[in-house]
PDB file of N, CA and C in Angstrom:
ATOM      1  N   MET A   1     -23.873  27.721   4.634  1.00  0.00           N
ATOM      2  CA  MET A   1     -22.782  28.647   4.373  1.00  0.00           C
ATOM      3  C   MET A   1     -21.679  27.975   3.552  1.00  0.00           C
ATOM      4  N   ARG A   2     -21.447  26.681   3.837  1.00  0.00           N
ATOM      5  CA  ARG A   2     -20.435  25.961   3.071  1.00  0.00           C
ATOM      6  C   ARG A   2     -20.821  25.858   1.603  1.00  0.00           C
ATOM      7  N   LEU A   3     -22.088  25.709   1.352  1.00  0.00           N
ATOM      8  CA  LEU A   3     -22.554  25.614  -0.029  1.00  0.00           C
ATOM      9  C   LEU A   3     -22.259  26.913  -0.788  1.00  0.00           C
ATOM     10  N   VAL A   4     -22.484  28.032  -0.147  1.00  0.00           N
ATOM     11  CA  VAL A   4     -22.203  29.333  -0.778  1.00  0.00           C
ATOM     12  C   VAL A   4     -20.706  29.476  -1.045  1.00  0.00           C
ATOM     13  N   THR A   5     -19.888  29.068  -0.071  1.00  0.00           N
ATOM     14  CA  THR A   5     -18.440  29.161  -0.240  1.00  0.00           C
ATOM     15  C   THR A   5     -17.977  28.309  -1.410  1.00  0.00           C
ATOM     16  N   TRP A   6     -18.475  27.085  -1.500  1.00  0.00           N
ATOM     17  CA  TRP A   6     -18.075  26.220  -2.610  1.00  0.00           C
ATOM     18  C   TRP A   6     -18.614  26.726  -3.945  1.00  0.00           C
ATOM     19  N   ALA A   7     -19.785  27.339  -3.950  1.00  0.00           N
ATOM     20  CA  ALA A   7     -20.320  27.914  -5.187  1.00  0.00           C
ATOM     21  C   ALA A   7     -19.438  29.060  -5.666  1.00  0.00           C
ATOM     22  N   ILE A   8     -18.992  29.897  -4.745  1.00  0.00           N
ATOM     23  CA  ILE A   8     -18.101  31.010  -5.112  1.00  0.00           C
ATOM     24  C   ILE A   8     -16.775  30.466  -5.627  1.00  0.00           C
ATOM     25  N   ARG A   9     -16.238  29.458  -4.975  1.00  0.00           N
ATOM     26  CA  ARG A   9     -14.984  28.854  -5.430  1.00  0.00           C
ATOM     27  C   ARG A   9     -15.131  28.270  -6.833  1.00  0.00           C
ATOM     28  N   LEU A  10     -16.256  27.616  -7.091  1.00  0.00           N
ATOM     29  CA  LEU A  10     -16.499  27.030  -8.407  1.00  0.00           C
ATOM     30  C   LEU A  10     -16.571  28.116  -9.479  1.00  0.00           C
ATOM     31  N   VAL A  11     -17.261  29.201  -9.191  1.00  0.00           N
ATOM     32  CA  VAL A  11     -17.376  30.302 -10.147  1.00  0.00           C
ATOM     33  C   VAL A  11     -16.003  30.908 -10.436  1.00  0.00           C
ATOM     34  N   VAL A  12     -15.204  31.137  -9.392  1.00  0.00           N
ATOM     35  CA  VAL A  12     -13.864  31.705  -9.585  1.00  0.00           C
ATOM     36  C   VAL A  12     -13.005  30.747 -10.403  1.00  0.00           C
ATOM     37  N   PHE A  13     -13.076  29.455 -10.097  1.00  0.00           N
ATOM     38  CA  PHE A  13     -12.306  28.469 -10.848  1.00  0.00           C
ATOM     39  C   PHE A  13     -12.707  28.449 -12.319  1.00  0.00           C
ATOM     40  N   LEU A  14     -13.993  28.472 -12.594  1.00  0.00           N
ATOM     41  CA  LEU A  14     -14.460  28.472 -13.985  1.00  0.00           C
ATOM     42  C   LEU A  14     -14.029  29.740 -14.721  1.00  0.00           C
ATOM     43  N   LEU A  15     -14.064  30.876 -14.034  1.00  0.00           N
ATOM     44  CA  LEU A  15     -13.581  32.116 -14.657  1.00  0.00           C
ATOM     45  C   LEU A  15     -12.090  32.041 -14.970  1.00  0.00           C
ATOM     46  N   LEU A  16     -11.320  31.454 -14.063  1.00  0.00           N
ATOM     47  CA  LEU A  16      -9.879  31.316 -14.311  1.00  0.00           C
ATOM     48  C   LEU A  16      -9.594  30.348 -15.457  1.00  0.00           C
ATOM     49  N   VAL A  17     -10.346  29.282 -15.551  1.00  0.00           N
ATOM     50  CA  VAL A  17     -10.171  28.341 -16.658  1.00  0.00           C
ATOM     51  C   VAL A  17     -10.531  29.018 -17.983  1.00  0.00           C
ATOM     52  N   ALA A  18     -11.611  29.783 -17.995  1.00  0.00           N
ATOM     53  CA  ALA A  18     -11.994  30.504 -19.214  1.00  0.00           C
ATOM     54  C   ALA A  18     -10.931  31.539 -19.582  1.00  0.00           C
ATOM     55  N   PHE A  19     -10.364  32.218 -18.583  1.00  0.00           N
ATOM     56  CA  PHE A  19      -9.301  33.196 -18.825  1.00  0.00           C
ATOM     57  C   PHE A  19      -8.081  32.502 -19.422  1.00  0.00           C
ATOM     58  N   ALA A  20      -7.736  31.344 -18.885  1.00  0.00           N
ATOM     59  CA  ALA A  20      -6.580  30.604 -19.400  1.00  0.00           C
ATOM     60  C   ALA A  20      -6.825  30.140 -20.831  1.00  0.00           C
ATOM     61  N   ALA A  21      -8.034  29.718 -21.124  1.00  0.00           N
ATOM     62  CA  ALA A  21      -8.336  29.262 -22.487  1.00  0.00           C
ATOM     63  C   ALA A  21      -8.285  30.408 -23.484  1.00  0.00           C
ATOM     64  N   LYS A  22      -8.691  31.587 -23.054  1.00  0.00           N
ATOM     65  CA  LYS A  22      -8.687  32.745 -23.965  1.00  0.00           C
ATOM     66  C   LYS A  22      -7.281  33.301 -24.178  1.00  0.00           C
ATOM     67  N   ASN A  23      -6.356  33.043 -23.252  1.00  0.00           N
ATOM     68  CA  ASN A  23      -5.011  33.624 -23.313  1.00  0.00           C
ATOM     69  C   ASN A  23      -3.945  32.553 -23.463  1.00  0.00           C
ATOM     70  N   ALA A  24      -4.158  31.636 -24.366  1.00  0.00           N
ATOM     71  CA  ALA A  24      -3.219  30.537 -24.584  1.00  0.00           C
ATOM     72  C   ALA A  24      -2.191  30.843 -25.668  1.00  0.00           C
ATOM     73  N   GLU A  25      -2.285  31.989 -26.320  1.00  0.00           N
ATOM     74  CA  GLU A  25      -1.349  32.320 -27.386  1.00  0.00           C
ATOM     75  C   GLU A  25       0.045  32.553 -26.799  1.00  0.00           C
ATOM     76  N   PRO A  26       1.078  32.139 -27.527  1.00  0.00           N
ATOM     77  CA  PRO A  26       2.442  32.380 -27.022  1.00  0.00           C
ATOM     78  C   PRO A  26       2.817  33.849 -27.144  1.00  0.00           C
ATOM     79  N   VAL A  27       3.532  34.316 -26.135  1.00  0.00           N
ATOM     80  CA  VAL A  27       4.054  35.684 -26.136  1.00  0.00           C
ATOM     81  C   VAL A  27       5.547  35.606 -25.877  1.00  0.00           C
ATOM     82  N   VAL A  28       6.241  36.660 -26.271  1.00  0.00           N
ATOM     83  CA  VAL A  28       7.689  36.711 -26.077  1.00  0.00           C
ATOM     84  C   VAL A  28       7.984  37.724 -24.980  1.00  0.00           C
ATOM     85  N   LEU A  29       8.664  37.258 -23.944  1.00  0.00           N
ATOM     86  CA  LEU A  29       9.097  38.121 -22.855  1.00  0.00           C
ATOM     87  C   LEU A  29      10.575  38.409 -23.079  1.00  0.00           C
ATOM     88  N   ARG A  30      10.904  39.666 -23.321  1.00  0.00           N
ATOM     89  CA  ARG A  30      12.282  40.037 -23.661  1.00  0.00           C
ATOM     90  C   ARG A  30      12.997  40.587 -22.423  1.00  0.00           C
ATOM     91  N   PHE A  31      14.196  40.049 -22.206  1.00  0.00           N
ATOM     92  CA  PHE A  31      15.048  40.484 -21.110  1.00  0.00           C
ATOM     93  C   PHE A  31      16.198  41.303 -21.676  1.00  0.00           C
ATOM     94  N   TYR A  32      17.103  41.711 -20.809  1.00  0.00           N
ATOM     95  CA  TYR A  32      18.309  42.413 -21.264  1.00  0.00           C
ATOM     96  C   TYR A  32      19.265  41.436 -21.934  1.00  0.00           C
ATOM     97  N   PHE A  33      20.224  41.949 -22.666  1.00  0.00           N
ATOM     98  CA  PHE A  33      21.264  41.179 -23.352  1.00  0.00           C
ATOM     99  C   PHE A  33      20.677  40.194 -24.360  1.00  0.00           C
ATOM    100  N   ASP A  34      19.617  40.586 -25.028  1.00  0.00           N
ATOM    101  CA  ASP A  34      18.968  39.805 -26.083  1.00  0.00           C
ATOM    102  C   ASP A  34      18.471  38.435 -25.607  1.00  0.00           C
ATOM    103  N   LEU A  35      18.140  38.323 -24.351  1.00  0.00           N
ATOM    104  CA  LEU A  35      17.518  37.095 -23.850  1.00  0.00           C
ATOM    105  C   LEU A  35      16.011  37.218 -24.030  1.00  0.00           C
ATOM    106  N   ALA A  36      15.379  36.129 -24.442  1.00  0.00           N
ATOM    107  CA  ALA A  36      13.935  36.139 -24.649  1.00  0.00           C
ATOM    108  C   ALA A  36      13.358  34.804 -24.206  1.00  0.00           C
ATOM    109  N   LEU A  37      12.132  34.860 -23.726  1.00  0.00           N
ATOM    110  CA  LEU A  37      11.412  33.665 -23.296  1.00  0.00           C
ATOM    111  C   LEU A  37      10.060  33.667 -23.982  1.00  0.00           C
ATOM    112  N   GLU A  38       9.767  32.582 -24.705  1.00  0.00           N
ATOM    113  CA  GLU A  38       8.472  32.475 -25.371  1.00  0.00           C
ATOM    114  C   GLU A  38       7.644  31.416 -24.650  1.00  0.00           C
ATOM    115  N   ALA A  39       6.476  31.820 -24.184  1.00  0.00           N
ATOM    116  CA  ALA A  39       5.590  30.913 -23.440  1.00  0.00           C
ATOM    117  C   ALA A  39       4.166  31.433 -23.572  1.00  0.00           C
ATOM    118  N   PRO A  40       3.173  30.584 -23.292  1.00  0.00           N
ATOM    119  CA  PRO A  40       1.789  31.067 -23.303  1.00  0.00           C
ATOM    120  C   PRO A  40       1.592  32.174 -22.255  1.00  0.00           C
ATOM    121  N   LEU A  41       0.749  33.116 -22.577  1.00  0.00           N
ATOM    122  CA  LEU A  41       0.521  34.257 -21.696  1.00  0.00           C
ATOM    123  C   LEU A  41       0.050  33.824 -20.316  1.00  0.00           C
ATOM    124  N   VAL A  42      -0.830  32.859 -20.262  1.00  0.00           N
ATOM    125  CA  VAL A  42      -1.369  32.436 -18.974  1.00  0.00           C
ATOM    126  C   VAL A  42      -0.271  31.818 -18.097  1.00  0.00           C
ATOM    127  N   VAL A  43       0.692  31.139 -18.700  1.00  0.00           N
ATOM    128  CA  VAL A  43       1.796  30.557 -17.924  1.00  0.00           C
ATOM    129  C   VAL A  43       2.658  31.660 -17.336  1.00  0.00           C
ATOM    130  N   LEU A  44       2.944  32.665 -18.125  1.00  0.00           N
ATOM    131  CA  LEU A  44       3.746  33.780 -17.616  1.00  0.00           C
ATOM    132  C   LEU A  44       3.008  34.541 -16.507  1.00  0.00           C
ATOM    133  N   LEU A  45       1.713  34.759 -16.691  1.00  0.00           N
ATOM    134  CA  LEU A  45       0.943  35.446 -15.655  1.00  0.00           C
ATOM    135  C   LEU A  45       0.919  34.650 -14.360  1.00  0.00           C
ATOM    136  N   LEU A  46       0.710  33.348 -14.476  1.00  0.00           N
ATOM    137  CA  LEU A  46       0.702  32.496 -13.289  1.00  0.00           C
ATOM    138  C   LEU A  46       2.071  32.486 -12.614  1.00  0.00           C
ATOM    139  N   GLY A  47       3.121  32.435 -13.402  1.00  0.00           N
ATOM    140  CA  GLY A  47       4.477  32.453 -12.846  1.00  0.00           C
ATOM    141  C   GLY A  47       4.781  33.735 -12.098  1.00  0.00           C
ATOM    142  N   PHE A  48       4.414  34.874 -12.671  1.00  0.00           N
ATOM    143  CA  PHE A  48       4.674  36.142 -11.997  1.00  0.00           C
ATOM    144  C   PHE A  48       3.779  36.323 -10.775  1.00  0.00           C
ATOM    145  N   PHE A  49       2.556  35.805 -10.827  1.00  0.00           N
ATOM    146  CA  PHE A  49       1.680  35.847  -9.652  1.00  0.00           C
ATOM    147  C   PHE A  49       2.274  35.016  -8.525  1.00  0.00           C
ATOM    148  N   ALA A  50       2.753  33.811  -8.852  1.00  0.00           N
ATOM    149  CA  ALA A  50       3.352  32.939  -7.836  1.00  0.00           C
ATOM    150  C   ALA A  50       4.614  33.567  -7.257  1.00  0.00           C
ATOM    151  N   ALA A  51       5.431  34.189  -8.114  1.00  0.00           N
ATOM    152  CA  ALA A  51       6.643  34.841  -7.627  1.00  0.00           C
ATOM    153  C   ALA A  51       6.297  36.003  -6.689  1.00  0.00           C
ATOM    154  N   GLY A  52       5.277  36.766  -7.019  1.00  0.00           N
ATOM    155  CA  GLY A  52       4.855  37.869  -6.158  1.00  0.00           C
ATOM    156  C   GLY A  52       4.325  37.374  -4.820  1.00  0.00           C
ATOM    157  N   ALA A  53       3.558  36.283  -4.853  1.00  0.00           N
ATOM    158  CA  ALA A  53       3.057  35.705  -3.597  1.00  0.00           C
ATOM    159  C   ALA A  53       4.216  35.198  -2.749  1.00  0.00           C
ATOM    160  N   LEU A  54       5.200  34.578  -3.375  1.00  0.00           N
ATOM    161  CA  LEU A  54       6.367  34.082  -2.643  1.00  0.00           C
ATOM    162  C   LEU A  54       7.149  35.233  -2.021  1.00  0.00           C
ATOM    163  N   PHE A  55       7.354  36.311  -2.770  1.00  0.00           N
ATOM    164  CA  PHE A  55       8.048  37.475  -2.219  1.00  0.00           C
ATOM    165  C   PHE A  55       7.271  38.078  -1.050  1.00  0.00           C
ATOM    166  N   GLY A  56       5.949  38.103  -1.145  1.00  0.00           N
ATOM    167  CA  GLY A  56       5.133  38.617  -0.044  1.00  0.00           C
ATOM    168  C   GLY A  56       5.265  37.771   1.213  1.00  0.00           C
ATOM    169  N   ILE A  57       5.287  36.459   1.039  1.00  0.00           N
ATOM    170  CA  ILE A  57       5.448  35.560   2.189  1.00  0.00           C
ATOM    171  C   ILE A  57       6.816  35.751   2.819  1.00  0.00           C
ATOM    172  N   VAL A  58       7.853  35.835   2.007  1.00  0.00           N
ATOM    173  CA  VAL A  58       9.206  36.033   2.530  1.00  0.00           C
ATOM    174  C   VAL A  58       9.308  37.372   3.248  1.00  0.00           C
ATOM    175  N   ALA A  59       8.636  38.397   2.737  1.00  0.00           N
ATOM    176  CA  ALA A  59       8.678  39.710   3.378  1.00  0.00           C
ATOM    177  C   ALA A  59       7.992  39.700   4.739  1.00  0.00           C
ATOM    178  N   LEU A  60       7.022  38.814   4.942  1.00  0.00           N
ATOM    179  CA  LEU A  60       6.315  38.735   6.221  1.00  0.00           C
ATOM    180  C   LEU A  60       7.032  37.879   7.257  1.00  0.00           C
ATOM    181  N   LEU A  61       8.004  37.083   6.847  1.00  0.00           N
ATOM    182  CA  LEU A  61       8.672  36.190   7.792  1.00  0.00           C
ATOM    183  C   LEU A  61       9.438  36.953   8.873  1.00  0.00           C
ATOM    184  N   GLY A  62      10.084  38.052   8.523  1.00  0.00           N
ATOM    185  CA  GLY A  62      10.829  38.839   9.513  1.00  0.00           C
ATOM    186  C   GLY A  62       9.936  39.395  10.613  1.00  0.00           C
ATOM    187  N   PRO A  63       8.897  40.157  10.269  1.00  0.00           N
ATOM    188  CA  PRO A  63       8.002  40.666  11.316  1.00  0.00           C
ATOM    189  C   PRO A  63       7.308  39.559  12.102  1.00  0.00           C
ATOM    190  N   LEU A  64       6.974  38.450  11.447  1.00  0.00           N
ATOM    191  CA  LEU A  64       6.322  37.349  12.152  1.00  0.00           C
ATOM    192  C   LEU A  64       7.254  36.740  13.196  1.00  0.00           C
ATOM    193  N   ALA A  65       8.499  36.525  12.835  1.00  0.00           N
ATOM    194  CA  ALA A  65       9.473  35.979  13.787  1.00  0.00           C
ATOM    195  C   ALA A  65       9.689  36.949  14.943  1.00  0.00           C
ATOM    196  N   ARG A  66       9.765  38.239  14.658  1.00  0.00           N
ATOM    197  CA  ARG A  66       9.949  39.243  15.710  1.00  0.00           C
ATOM    198  C   ARG A  66       8.754  39.249  16.664  1.00  0.00           C
ATOM    199  N   GLN A  67       7.548  39.151  16.143  1.00  0.00           N
ATOM    200  CA  GLN A  67       6.361  39.117  17.004  1.00  0.00           C
ATOM    201  C   GLN A  67       6.332  37.866  17.862  1.00  0.00           C
ATOM    202  N   ARG A  68       6.718  36.732  17.304  1.00  0.00           N
ATOM    203  CA  ARG A  68       6.740  35.498  18.093  1.00  0.00           C
ATOM    204  C   ARG A  68       7.749  35.588  19.228  1.00  0.00           C
ATOM    205  N   ARG A  69       8.928  36.164  18.954  1.00  0.00           N
ATOM    206  CA  ARG A  69       9.922  36.336  20.024  1.00  0.00           C
ATOM    207  C   ARG A  69       9.397  37.261  21.107  1.00  0.00           C
ATOM    208  N   GLU A  70       8.722  38.344  20.698  1.00  0.00           N
ATOM    209  CA  GLU A  70       8.175  39.287  21.674  1.00  0.00           C
ATOM    210  C   GLU A  70       7.078  38.635  22.519  1.00  0.00           C
ATOM    211  N   ILE A  71       6.206  37.862  21.896  1.00  0.00           N
ATOM    212  CA  ILE A  71       5.139  37.175  22.635  1.00  0.00           C
ATOM    213  C   ILE A  71       5.747  36.187  23.626  1.00  0.00           C
ATOM    214  N   SER A  72       6.777  35.463  23.201  1.00  0.00           N
ATOM    215  CA  SER A  72       7.431  34.508  24.093  1.00  0.00           C
ATOM    216  C   SER A  72       8.058  35.223  25.289  1.00  0.00           C
ATOM    217  N   ALA A  73       8.703  36.356  25.044  1.00  0.00           N
ATOM    218  CA  ALA A  73       9.310  37.108  26.142  1.00  0.00           C
ATOM    219  C   ALA A  73       8.249  37.649  27.093  1.00  0.00           C
ATOM    220  N   LEU A  74       7.124  38.111  26.564  1.00  0.00           N
ATOM    221  CA  LEU A  74       6.055  38.631  27.419  1.00  0.00           C
ATOM    222  C   LEU A  74       5.419  37.513  28.236  1.00  0.00           C
ATOM    223  N   ARG A  75       5.270  36.331  27.662  1.00  0.00           N
ATOM    224  CA  ARG A  75       4.699  35.209  28.416  1.00  0.00           C
ATOM    225  C   ARG A  75       5.605  34.794  29.564  1.00  0.00           C
ATOM    226  N   LYS A  76       6.912  34.898  29.359  1.00  0.00           N
ATOM    227  CA  LYS A  76       7.850  34.546  30.430  1.00  0.00           C
ATOM    228  C   LYS A  76       7.784  35.557  31.573  1.00  0.00           C
ATOM    229  N   ARG A  77       7.432  36.792  31.283  1.00  0.00           N
ATOM    230  CA  ARG A  77       7.348  37.836  32.305  1.00  0.00           C
ATOM    231  C   ARG A  77       6.091  37.742  33.158  1.00  0.00           C
ATOM    232  N   VAL A  78       5.015  37.168  32.618  1.00  0.00           N
ATOM    233  CA  VAL A  78       3.751  37.077  33.354  1.00  0.00           C
ATOM    234  C   VAL A  78       3.881  35.972  34.400  1.00  0.00           C
ATOM    235  N   PRO A  79       3.516  36.259  35.672  1.00  0.00           N
ATOM    236  CA  PRO A  79       3.611  35.217  36.701  1.00  0.00           C
ATOM    237  C   PRO A  79       2.567  34.126  36.458  1.00  0.00           C
ATOM    238  N   PRO A  80       2.867  32.893  36.892  1.00  0.00           N
ATOM    239  CA  PRO A  80       1.885  31.816  36.693  1.00  0.00           C
ATOM    240  C   PRO A  80       0.641  32.076  37.528  1.00  0.00           C
ATOM    241  N   PRO A  81      -0.499  31.577  37.085  1.00  0.00           N
ATOM    242  CA  PRO A  81      -1.734  31.825  37.838  1.00  0.00           C
ATOM    243  C   PRO A  81      -1.695  31.104  39.181  1.00  0.00           C
ATOM    244  N   ALA A  82      -2.348  31.718  40.185  1.00  0.00           N
ATOM    245  CA  ALA A  82      -2.413  31.127  41.518  1.00  0.00           C
ATOM    246  C   ALA A  82      -3.350  29.920  41.481  1.00  0.00           C
ATOM    247  N   PRO A  83      -3.098  28.905  42.333  1.00  0.00           N
ATOM    248  CA  PRO A  83      -3.999  27.745  42.346  1.00  0.00           C
ATOM    249  C   PRO A  83      -5.391  28.147  42.821  1.00  0.00           C
ATOM    250  N   ALA A  84      -6.378  27.424  42.335  1.00  0.00           N
ATOM    251  CA  ALA A  84      -7.767  27.740  42.671  1.00  0.00           C
ATOM    252  C   ALA A  84      -8.022  27.463  44.148  1.00  0.00           C
ATOM    253  N   GLU A  85      -8.766  28.353  44.777  1.00  0.00           N
ATOM    254  CA  GLU A  85      -9.094  28.184  46.190  1.00  0.00           C
ATOM    255  C   GLU A  85     -10.286  27.241  46.316  1.00  0.00           C
ATOM    256  N   PRO A  86     -10.286  26.413  47.369  1.00  0.00           N
ATOM    257  CA  PRO A  86     -11.441  25.522  47.554  1.00  0.00           C
ATOM    258  C   PRO A  86     -12.673  26.318  47.947  1.00  0.00           C
ATOM    259  N   ALA A  87     -13.841  25.728  47.721  1.00  0.00           N
ATOM    260  CA  ALA A  87     -15.102  26.394  48.066  1.00  0.00           C
ATOM    261  C   ALA A  87     -15.174  26.619  49.563  1.00  0.00           C
ATOM    262  N   SER A  88     -15.789  27.741  49.967  1.00  0.00           N
ATOM    263  CA  SER A  88     -15.831  28.092  51.385  1.00  0.00           C
ATOM    264  C   SER A  88     -16.757  27.170  52.175  1.00  0.00           C
ATOM    265  N   ASN A  89     -17.865  26.735  51.577  1.00  0.00           N
ATOM    266  CA  ASN A  89     -18.791  25.857  52.268  1.00  0.00           C
ATOM    267  C   ASN A  89     -19.237  24.764  51.299  1.00  0.00           C
ATOM    268  N   PRO A  90     -18.524  23.649  51.246  1.00  0.00           N
ATOM    269  CA  PRO A  90     -18.849  22.616  50.255  1.00  0.00           C
ATOM    270  C   PRO A  90     -20.175  21.921  50.521  1.00  0.00           C
ATOM    271  N   ALA A  91     -20.755  22.063  51.700  1.00  0.00           N
ATOM    272  CA  ALA A  91     -22.023  21.397  51.988  1.00  0.00           C
ATOM    273  C   ALA A  91     -23.174  21.988  51.200  1.00  0.00           C
ATOM    274  N   HIS A  92     -23.081  23.253  50.804  1.00  0.00           N
ATOM    275  CA  HIS A  92     -24.148  23.918  50.059  1.00  0.00           C
ATOM    276  C   HIS A  92     -23.655  24.327  48.674  1.00  0.00           C
ATOM    277  N   SER A  93     -23.085  23.398  47.953  1.00  0.00           N
ATOM    278  CA  SER A  93     -22.592  23.731  46.619  1.00  0.00           C
ATOM    279  C   SER A  93     -23.721  23.753  45.615  1.00  0.00           C
ATOM    280  N   ALA A  94     -23.456  24.289  44.438  1.00  0.00           N
ATOM    281  CA  ALA A  94     -24.478  24.433  43.400  1.00  0.00           C
ATOM    282  C   ALA A  94     -24.882  23.084  42.825  1.00  0.00           C
ATOM    283  N   THR A  95     -24.047  22.063  42.958  1.00  0.00           N
ATOM    284  CA  THR A  95     -24.369  20.756  42.382  1.00  0.00           C
ATOM    285  C   THR A  95     -25.019  19.833  43.409  1.00  0.00           C
ATOM    286  N   ASP A  96     -25.251  20.303  44.614  1.00  0.00           N
ATOM    287  CA  ASP A  96     -25.852  19.474  45.655  1.00  0.00           C
ATOM    288  C   ASP A  96     -27.373  19.595  45.551  1.00  0.00           C
ATOM    289  N   PHE A  97     -28.053  18.521  45.120  1.00  0.00           N
ATOM    290  CA  PHE A  97     -29.502  18.567  44.923  1.00  0.00           C
ATOM    291  C   PHE A  97     -30.214  17.658  45.937  1.00  0.00           C
ATOM    292  N   ARG A  98     -30.073  17.912  47.197  1.00  0.00           N
ATOM    293  CA  ARG A  98     -30.749  17.090  48.200  1.00  0.00           C
ATOM    294  C   ARG A  98     -32.094  17.623  48.535  1.00  0.00           C
TER     295      ARG A  98
END
């Protein structure tokens, strides 16, 4: 199974490298107030992908923290488990092979 996973990763990596090689031409990204940024297309795509992933992670931090607080509060409400009771007849236990 690991071999299949690494083969898929290799194929995806090679496709991304080929995509980057095909899209190396510089493009101009125009902002407001006559601001412009000229960079290779693949760099801009990677930058916007990374920014989107970062925004997604930041958006998940609030619900994740809330769930952790709720789990902690619920664990405090559950009583601790009772101690294990000793066997009723230790002379005939399952591990006794006489």
